[in-house]
Protein backbone atom coordinates (compact mmCIF):
# COMPACT_ATOMS: atom_id res chain seq x y z
CA MET A 1 0.00 0.00 0.00
CA LEU A 2 2.84 2.39 0.81
CA LEU A 3 4.48 1.72 -2.53
CA SER A 4 1.34 2.27 -4.45
CA LEU A 5 0.67 5.62 -2.83
CA PRO A 6 3.76 7.45 -4.26
CA LEU A 7 3.01 5.86 -7.61
CA ALA A 8 -0.49 7.18 -7.50
CA LEU A 9 0.77 10.60 -6.55
CA ALA A 10 3.19 10.55 -9.44
CA VAL A 11 0.49 9.55 -11.78
CA TRP A 12 -1.74 12.24 -10.41
CA VAL A 13 0.93 14.98 -10.74
CA VAL A 14 1.73 14.21 -14.36
CA PRO A 15 -1.74 15.00 -15.69
CA LEU A 16 -1.74 18.27 -13.80
CA ALA A 17 1.59 19.27 -15.29
CA GLY A 18 0.36 18.28 -18.74
CA ALA A 19 -2.79 20.29 -18.24
CA ALA A 20 -0.78 23.31 -17.16
CA ALA A 21 1.48 22.89 -20.14
CA ALA A 22 -1.55 22.65 -22.37
CA ALA A 23 -3.06 25.76 -20.81
CA LYS A 24 0.01 27.95 -21.60
CA PRO A 25 -0.56 28.01 -25.34
CA SER A 26 -4.17 28.97 -24.85
CA LEU A 27 -3.13 31.82 -22.53
CA SER A 28 -0.56 33.16 -24.95
CA SER A 29 -3.00 32.94 -27.86
CA TRP A 30 -5.58 34.76 -25.84
CA THR A 31 -3.03 37.46 -24.99
CA LYS A 32 -2.12 37.82 -28.66
CA ALA A 33 -5.72 37.98 -29.62
CA LYS A 34 -6.35 40.57 -26.97
CA HIS A 35 -3.46 42.74 -28.11
CA GLY A 36 -4.49 42.22 -31.70
CA LYS A 37 -7.95 43.53 -31.00
CA VAL A 38 -6.51 46.59 -29.31
CA LEU A 39 -4.04 47.33 -32.11
CA VAL A 40 -6.41 46.78 -35.01
CA PRO A 41 -8.59 49.90 -35.41
CA ALA A 42 -12.27 49.55 -35.70
CA LYS A 43 -13.67 49.66 -39.20
CA ALA A 44 -14.84 53.15 -40.09
CA PRO A 45 -17.62 53.80 -42.61
CA PRO A 46 -16.27 54.46 -46.13
CA PRO A 47 -15.89 58.18 -46.98
CA ALA A 48 -18.35 59.75 -49.35
CA PRO A 49 -17.04 59.83 -52.93
CA ALA A 50 -15.61 63.22 -53.95
CA PRO A 51 -17.23 64.93 -56.95
CA ARG A 52 -15.46 64.18 -60.17
CA PRO A 53 -13.52 67.10 -61.62
CA GLU A 54 -14.95 66.36 -65.06
CA ARG A 55 -18.49 66.96 -63.83
CA ALA A 56 -17.54 70.16 -62.04
CA SER A 57 -15.77 71.57 -65.08
CA ALA A 58 -18.57 70.43 -67.35
CA SER A 59 -21.14 72.26 -65.28
CA ALA A 60 -19.07 75.46 -65.40
CA ASN A 61 -17.91 75.32 -68.98
CA PRO A 62 -21.17 75.84 -70.90
CA ARG A 63 -21.86 79.28 -69.44
CA SER A 64 -18.23 80.43 -69.76
CA LYS A 65 -18.02 79.22 -73.35
CA SER A 66 -21.19 81.00 -74.34
CA LYS A 67 -19.85 84.31 -73.04
CA SER A 68 -16.08 84.37 -73.54
CA GLY A 69 -15.06 81.13 -75.21
CA GLY A 70 -13.22 81.12 -78.49
CA PRO A 71 -10.52 83.38 -79.94
CA THR A 72 -10.46 87.09 -79.23
CA VAL A 73 -10.39 89.82 -81.85
CA SER A 74 -8.47 93.09 -81.74
CA GLY A 75 -10.13 96.18 -83.16
CA ASN A 76 -12.27 99.26 -82.51
CA VAL A 77 -16.00 99.36 -83.22
CA ALA A 78 -18.80 101.84 -82.57
CA VAL A 79 -22.24 100.82 -81.30
CA PHE A 80 -25.04 103.33 -81.86
CA GLY A 81 -28.14 103.52 -79.70
CA PHE A 82 -30.78 100.87 -80.45
CA LYS A 83 -34.23 102.13 -81.32
CA GLY A 84 -37.51 100.79 -79.95
CA GLU A 85 -38.86 99.65 -76.62
CA GLY A 86 -36.24 97.58 -74.83
CA GLY A 87 -33.50 98.82 -77.17
CA ALA A 88 -31.26 100.03 -74.34
CA ARG A 89 -31.18 96.54 -72.80
CA VAL A 90 -30.35 94.88 -76.11
CA GLN A 91 -27.65 97.46 -76.82
CA GLN A 92 -26.07 96.77 -73.42
CA VAL A 93 -25.95 93.04 -74.19
CA VAL A 94 -24.37 93.72 -77.60
CA VAL A 95 -21.68 95.92 -76.04
CA SER A 96 -20.90 93.33 -73.35
CA THR A 97 -20.67 90.53 -75.92
CA LEU A 98 -18.27 92.47 -78.14
CA ARG A 99 -16.06 93.52 -75.25
CA ALA A 100 -15.89 89.92 -74.04
CA ARG A 101 -14.35 89.07 -77.43
CA GLY A 102 -11.59 91.64 -77.01
CA LEU A 103 -13.04 94.49 -79.06
CA GLN A 104 -12.79 98.12 -77.97
CA VAL A 105 -16.33 99.51 -78.08
CA THR A 106 -17.37 103.17 -78.09
CA THR A 107 -20.99 104.24 -77.58
CA SER A 108 -20.66 108.03 -77.71
CA LEU A 109 -21.01 108.46 -81.50
CA ARG A 110 -24.08 109.22 -83.59
CA PRO A 111 -24.96 107.91 -87.05
CA VAL A 112 -24.09 110.08 -90.06
CA ASP A 113 -25.81 110.51 -93.41
CA SER A 114 -23.65 108.96 -96.12
CA ALA A 115 -21.14 106.21 -96.73
CA GLU A 116 -18.45 108.80 -97.36
CA GLN A 117 -19.02 110.32 -93.92
CA TYR A 118 -18.81 106.88 -92.33
CA ARG A 119 -15.49 106.29 -94.09
CA GLU A 120 -14.10 109.63 -92.95
CA MET A 121 -15.16 109.04 -89.34
CA ALA A 122 -13.68 105.54 -89.37
CA ALA A 123 -10.38 106.81 -90.78
CA THR A 124 -10.18 109.54 -88.14
CA LEU A 125 -11.12 107.35 -85.16
CA ARG A 126 -9.61 104.10 -86.53
CA LEU A 127 -12.92 102.25 -86.44
CA ALA A 128 -13.34 98.88 -88.10
CA ALA A 129 -17.13 98.66 -87.98
CA TYR A 130 -20.37 100.30 -86.90
CA ILE A 131 -23.26 98.43 -85.24
CA ASP A 132 -26.80 99.63 -84.75
CA GLY A 133 -30.22 98.02 -84.39
CA THR A 134 -33.92 98.21 -83.64
CA VAL A 135 -36.22 96.37 -81.24
CA GLY A 136 -39.94 95.80 -81.80
CA GLY A 137 -42.68 93.20 -81.74
CA ALA A 138 -46.29 92.74 -80.82
CA GLY A 139 -47.73 91.14 -77.72
CA SER A 140 -45.42 88.95 -75.70
CA ARG A 141 -43.13 88.26 -78.66
CA GLY A 142 -40.29 90.57 -79.51
CA GLN A 143 -37.90 90.95 -82.40
CA ALA A 144 -34.46 92.57 -82.57
CA THR A 145 -32.48 93.45 -85.70
CA VAL A 146 -28.72 94.02 -85.49
CA GLN A 147 -26.92 95.63 -88.43
CA VAL A 148 -23.17 95.73 -89.15
CA ARG A 149 -21.54 98.43 -91.30
CA SER A 150 -17.97 98.41 -92.63
CA GLY A 151 -15.69 101.21 -91.55
CA VAL A 152 -13.52 100.82 -94.67
CA THR A 153 -16.32 101.14 -97.23
CA GLY A 154 -18.97 102.84 -95.09
CA ARG A 155 -21.60 100.42 -96.36
CA ARG A 156 -23.80 97.92 -94.53
CA ILE A 157 -22.61 94.32 -94.89
CA ALA A 158 -24.83 92.28 -92.54
CA SER A 159 -28.27 92.35 -90.93
CA VAL A 160 -29.36 89.60 -88.51
CA ARG A 161 -32.66 89.12 -86.68
CA PHE A 162 -33.46 87.60 -83.31
CA SER A 163 -36.90 86.75 -81.91
CA GLY A 164 -38.34 85.51 -78.63
CA ASP A 165 -40.30 86.58 -75.60
CA HIS A 166 -39.54 90.10 -74.42
CA GLY A 167 -37.97 88.74 -71.25
CA GLU A 168 -35.65 86.42 -73.19
CA LEU A 169 -34.93 88.57 -76.25
CA ALA A 170 -31.80 90.21 -74.86
CA ASP A 171 -30.36 86.84 -73.82
CA ASN A 172 -31.06 85.45 -77.29
CA VAL A 173 -29.12 88.32 -78.82
CA GLY A 174 -26.23 87.83 -76.42
CA SER A 175 -25.91 84.11 -77.15
CA GLY A 176 -26.40 84.35 -80.92
CA LEU A 177 -24.72 87.62 -81.89
CA TRP A 178 -21.13 86.41 -82.19
CA PRO A 179 -21.86 83.07 -83.92
CA ARG A 180 -23.78 84.98 -86.60
CA THR A 181 -21.61 88.11 -86.98
CA GLY A 182 -18.23 87.18 -85.54
CA SER A 183 -16.64 86.18 -88.85
CA GLN A 184 -17.69 89.46 -90.49
CA LEU A 185 -16.39 91.54 -87.59
CA ALA A 186 -13.08 89.66 -87.52
CA HIS A 187 -12.69 90.28 -91.25
CA LEU A 188 -13.47 93.99 -90.89
CA CYS A 189 -10.92 94.33 -88.08
CA GLY A 190 -8.30 92.69 -90.28
CA GLU A 191 -9.09 95.04 -93.16
CA ALA A 192 -8.92 98.10 -90.90
CA ALA A 193 -5.55 97.01 -89.48
CA LYS A 194 -3.91 97.02 -92.92
CA PRO A 195 -1.76 100.08 -93.64
CA SER A 196 -3.50 102.69 -95.74
CA LYS A 197 -2.24 103.26 -99.27
CA GLY A 198 -2.15 107.02 -98.76
CA ALA A 199 -3.49 109.78 -100.91
CA ARG A 200 -3.11 109.43 -104.62
CA ARG A 201 -0.79 111.81 -106.41
CA ALA A 202 -2.26 114.39 -108.75
CA LEU A 203 -2.39 113.28 -112.35
CA ARG A 204 0.32 114.99 -114.38
CA ILE A 205 0.30 115.07 -118.15
CA ASP A 206 3.46 115.86 -120.10
CA ALA A 207 2.30 117.81 -123.13
CA GLY A 208 5.78 118.29 -124.55
CA THR A 209 7.48 121.55 -125.48
CA PRO A 210 5.09 124.50 -125.35
CA ILE A 211 4.41 126.26 -128.65
CA GLU A 212 5.87 129.72 -128.90
CA ALA A 213 3.34 132.48 -129.41
CA THR A 214 3.44 133.96 -132.90
CA THR A 215 3.01 137.65 -133.59
CA ASP A 216 0.10 138.59 -135.75
CA THR A 217 1.48 141.28 -138.01
CA ALA A 218 -1.97 142.15 -139.21
CA SER A 219 -2.90 143.29 -135.76
CA ASP A 220 -0.48 146.19 -136.10
CA ILE A 221 -2.42 147.61 -139.03
CA PRO A 222 -5.26 149.95 -138.16
CA ALA A 223 -8.69 148.49 -138.55
CA HIS A 224 -9.70 150.91 -141.29
CA LEU A 225 -6.64 149.92 -143.24
CA ARG A 226 -7.14 146.17 -143.10
CA ASN A 227 -8.34 144.41 -146.20
CA ASP A 228 -11.80 143.02 -146.10
CA PRO A 229 -11.52 139.41 -147.35
CA LYS A 230 -15.07 139.67 -148.71
CA ASP A 231 -14.18 142.51 -151.00
CA ARG A 232 -11.29 141.47 -153.18
CA ARG A 233 -11.19 144.88 -154.87
CA LYS A 234 -9.85 146.51 -151.71
CA GLU A 235 -6.74 144.41 -151.34
CA ASP A 236 -4.49 147.45 -151.42
CA PRO A 237 -6.29 150.84 -151.43
CA TRP A 238 -3.00 152.69 -151.68
CA ALA A 239 -1.59 150.63 -154.50
CA ASP A 240 -2.25 153.34 -157.14
CA GLU A 241 -0.35 155.99 -155.26
CA GLY A 242 3.01 156.76 -156.70
CA THR A 243 2.18 155.30 -160.10
């Protein structure tokens, strides 16, 4: 019995040691798992997608293109006052559209009477073109006519019409003026920028050597002594004297 007791104790101790040894890995794994949970951040909700730059630029481009897109033009033009109800508003839109394209616009001039006067005014003020117009319409519909005149020739070269509701008429002119008249205005500015040929010289005709004046000997004879060619008998009234 005494021998069996130590053996039983030994047998009993071994399982406990094995159990302790088996428990160590579970403790270390739990510690690692615990530290891993602390170190790993919690999952945050995904951020909201940022707006695409293409969409932002696309939303801003249409308005900017309609007002100032495209090449600019260098030149001086005159815009006369527009006639009719609502003409001042349409004239303001025309001036803004032309200035947005790079043109120098003056509004202090008045129309003249003839093409020659337009040419003289353009040569003095270095103007490439003149623009005027009228606004009219009946009821809720309106109509605007914009006319372009050349500063080089003084003659009208274009006349365009715009229509729409009175509240939208000015905007229609602003969006459609340059597409319909821009090429003509660019051409006129190019023509005005060319150097002038200057005044023509006076026409000179070389007539050769002038003819010397001849003396009329008959003019020295008194009138009452001149022979009358109609009366051949009076060729020499003093011929009988001295005979």
